[in-house]
Amino acid sequence: MDHTRDPCPWVILNDFGGAFAMGAIGGAIWHGVKGFRNSPVGERRIGAITAIKARAPVLGGNFSVWGGLFSTFDCSIKSIRRKEDPWNAISAGFFTGGALAIRGGYKAARNGAIGCAVLLAVIEGVGIGFQRMFAASTKLELPPPPPSNEKVLV
């Protein structure tokens, strides 16, 4: 277990804030462009600013809920299993997707859980693949053996 990280309550709060910031910044860019494009020619700048003020905090809040729930489930699973491996993130994604879709009924929760778990499995798989790919280039090679003192018969 990695003891250099903060304890789980602080990690959860940190992930809430980080996810909000990511969603708000991404939402500002997305809705700014969208507001600019959907406004009349003379009011594009005002349309972009209005769209950003109206929608970017909402997207930030949605990201925050996802990030906080995921981090909460991830910390809970780590605590229960007493290990840190990719299955924790995949399981946390499963529970997060199900919890966010539960208001839509059983089928929506099931589909959301499976979809989120598959997404996290792909992310974890790509991460493991990159780790192995870059670790192979840093392997130490043995130096060539020193020449022997024996004469070679030709």
Protein backbone atom coordinates (compact mmCIF):
# COMPACT_ATOMS: atom_id res chain seq x y z
CA MET A 1 0.00 0.00 0.00
CA ASP A 2 1.27 3.48 -0.85
CA HIS A 3 1.77 5.33 2.43
CA THR A 4 2.94 8.56 0.80
CA ARG A 5 -0.61 9.48 -0.26
CA ASP A 6 -3.03 11.40 1.91
CA PRO A 7 -5.60 9.45 3.94
CA CYS A 8 -8.83 8.64 2.14
CA PRO A 9 -11.05 11.44 3.52
CA TRP A 10 -8.61 14.02 2.17
CA VAL A 11 -8.27 12.19 -1.14
CA ILE A 12 -12.05 12.21 -1.54
CA LEU A 13 -12.30 15.96 -0.89
CA ASN A 14 -9.35 16.61 -3.18
CA ASP A 15 -10.98 14.59 -5.96
CA PHE A 16 -14.27 16.47 -5.53
CA GLY A 17 -12.45 19.76 -6.03
CA GLY A 18 -10.23 18.55 -8.85
CA ALA A 19 -13.17 17.09 -10.75
CA PHE A 20 -15.13 20.33 -10.29
CA ALA A 21 -12.23 22.37 -11.65
CA MET A 22 -11.79 20.03 -14.61
CA GLY A 23 -15.48 20.13 -15.43
CA ALA A 24 -15.77 23.89 -15.01
CA ILE A 25 -12.74 24.63 -17.20
CA GLY A 26 -13.82 22.12 -19.84
CA GLY A 27 -17.38 23.43 -19.62
CA ALA A 28 -16.19 27.01 -20.05
CA ILE A 29 -14.35 26.06 -23.22
CA TRP A 30 -17.16 23.88 -24.58
CA HIS A 31 -20.05 26.21 -23.79
CA GLY A 32 -18.04 29.29 -24.74
CA VAL A 33 -17.54 27.96 -28.24
CA LYS A 34 -21.12 26.75 -28.38
CA GLY A 35 -22.50 30.11 -27.18
CA PHE A 36 -20.28 31.96 -29.64
CA ARG A 37 -21.43 29.85 -32.60
CA ASN A 38 -25.14 29.99 -31.70
CA SER A 39 -25.30 33.76 -31.20
CA PRO A 40 -26.10 36.41 -33.83
CA VAL A 41 -23.10 38.03 -35.50
CA GLY A 42 -23.06 41.26 -33.46
CA GLU A 43 -23.56 39.55 -30.08
CA ARG A 44 -21.21 36.58 -30.25
CA ARG A 45 -18.93 37.64 -27.42
CA ILE A 46 -21.87 38.34 -25.09
CA GLY A 47 -23.50 35.06 -26.14
CA ALA A 48 -20.33 33.14 -25.31
CA ILE A 49 -19.98 34.78 -21.88
CA THR A 50 -23.65 34.22 -21.08
CA ALA A 51 -23.41 30.54 -22.03
CA ILE A 52 -20.27 30.12 -19.93
CA LYS A 53 -21.87 31.72 -16.86
CA ALA A 54 -25.02 29.64 -17.24
CA ARG A 55 -23.63 26.18 -18.07
CA ALA A 56 -19.98 25.81 -17.02
CA PRO A 57 -20.70 25.59 -13.26
CA VAL A 58 -23.38 22.96 -13.95
CA LEU A 59 -20.92 20.80 -15.87
CA GLY A 60 -18.34 21.35 -13.11
CA GLY A 61 -20.89 20.16 -10.55
CA ASN A 62 -21.68 17.06 -12.60
CA PHE A 63 -18.00 16.21 -12.90
CA SER A 64 -17.59 16.83 -9.18
CA VAL A 65 -20.34 14.39 -8.27
CA TRP A 66 -18.84 11.71 -10.53
CA GLY A 67 -15.30 12.26 -9.22
CA GLY A 68 -16.39 12.34 -5.59
CA LEU A 69 -18.50 9.21 -5.85
CA PHE A 70 -15.75 7.38 -7.70
CA SER A 71 -13.16 8.38 -5.11
CA THR A 72 -15.47 7.39 -2.25
CA PHE A 73 -16.12 3.96 -3.74
CA ASP A 74 -12.43 3.54 -4.60
CA CYS A 75 -11.35 4.30 -1.02
CA SER A 76 -14.05 2.01 0.37
CA ILE A 77 -13.01 -0.87 -1.86
CA LYS A 78 -9.33 -0.36 -1.00
CA SER A 79 -10.24 -0.46 2.66
CA ILE A 80 -12.30 -3.64 2.31
CA ARG A 81 -9.87 -5.54 0.05
CA ARG A 82 -6.65 -4.27 1.66
CA LYS A 83 -4.96 -4.14 -1.78
CA GLU A 84 -4.30 -1.59 -4.46
CA ASP A 85 -4.73 -2.94 -7.97
CA PRO A 86 -6.72 -2.13 -11.12
CA TRP A 87 -9.73 -4.11 -9.89
CA ASN A 88 -10.39 -1.40 -7.29
CA ALA A 89 -10.83 1.28 -9.96
CA ILE A 90 -12.92 -1.01 -12.17
CA SER A 91 -15.20 -1.92 -9.24
CA ALA A 92 -15.44 1.72 -8.14
CA GLY A 93 -16.41 2.64 -11.70
CA PHE A 94 -19.07 -0.07 -11.66
CA PHE A 95 -20.59 1.23 -8.42
CA THR A 96 -20.32 4.87 -9.51
CA GLY A 97 -22.07 4.25 -12.83
CA GLY A 98 -24.81 2.29 -11.09
CA ALA A 99 -25.30 4.86 -8.36
CA LEU A 100 -25.57 7.74 -10.81
CA ALA A 101 -28.11 5.92 -12.99
CA ILE A 102 -30.23 4.36 -10.22
CA ARG A 103 -32.98 6.98 -10.58
CA GLY A 104 -33.68 5.64 -14.07
CA GLY A 105 -34.54 2.18 -12.75
CA TYR A 106 -32.87 -1.21 -12.58
CA LYS A 107 -31.98 -1.48 -16.27
CA ALA A 108 -30.50 2.01 -16.43
CA ALA A 109 -28.45 1.33 -13.29
CA ARG A 110 -27.22 -1.98 -14.68
CA ASN A 111 -26.29 -0.45 -18.03
CA GLY A 112 -24.63 2.55 -16.39
CA ALA A 113 -22.66 0.32 -14.05
CA ILE A 114 -21.46 -1.98 -16.83
CA GLY A 115 -20.63 0.92 -19.13
CA CYS A 116 -18.66 2.74 -16.46
CA ALA A 117 -16.81 -0.43 -15.45
CA VAL A 118 -15.86 -1.10 -19.07
CA LEU A 119 -14.65 2.49 -19.47
CA LEU A 120 -12.49 2.20 -16.34
CA ALA A 121 -11.20 -1.22 -17.47
CA VAL A 122 -10.08 0.30 -20.77
CA ILE A 123 -8.41 3.21 -18.98
CA GLU A 124 -6.63 0.85 -16.57
CA GLY A 125 -5.61 -1.48 -19.41
CA VAL A 126 -4.16 1.38 -21.44
CA GLY A 127 -2.30 2.60 -18.35
CA ILE A 128 -0.82 -0.85 -17.73
CA GLY A 129 0.13 -1.14 -21.40
CA PHE A 130 1.94 2.20 -21.35
CA GLN A 131 3.73 1.27 -18.13
CA ARG A 132 5.00 -1.97 -19.67
CA MET A 133 5.93 -0.28 -22.92
CA PHE A 134 7.99 2.43 -21.24
CA ALA A 135 9.44 0.11 -18.60
CA ALA A 136 10.93 -2.11 -21.31
CA SER A 137 13.07 0.76 -22.58
CA THR A 138 14.60 1.37 -19.15
CA LYS A 139 15.81 -2.16 -18.46
CA LEU A 140 19.45 -2.33 -17.52
CA GLU A 141 21.66 -4.35 -19.80
CA LEU A 142 24.72 -6.19 -18.64
CA PRO A 143 27.99 -4.80 -19.93
CA PRO A 144 29.96 -7.05 -22.27
CA PRO A 145 32.32 -9.43 -20.47
CA PRO A 146 35.93 -8.29 -20.23
CA PRO A 147 38.36 -9.86 -22.67
CA SER A 148 39.97 -12.99 -21.32
CA ASN A 149 43.71 -13.29 -20.84
CA GLU A 150 43.89 -16.56 -22.71
CA LYS A 151 45.25 -16.50 -26.22
CA VAL A 152 42.87 -17.57 -28.90
CA LEU A 153 44.10 -20.39 -31.08
CA VAL A 154 43.50 -19.79 -34.72
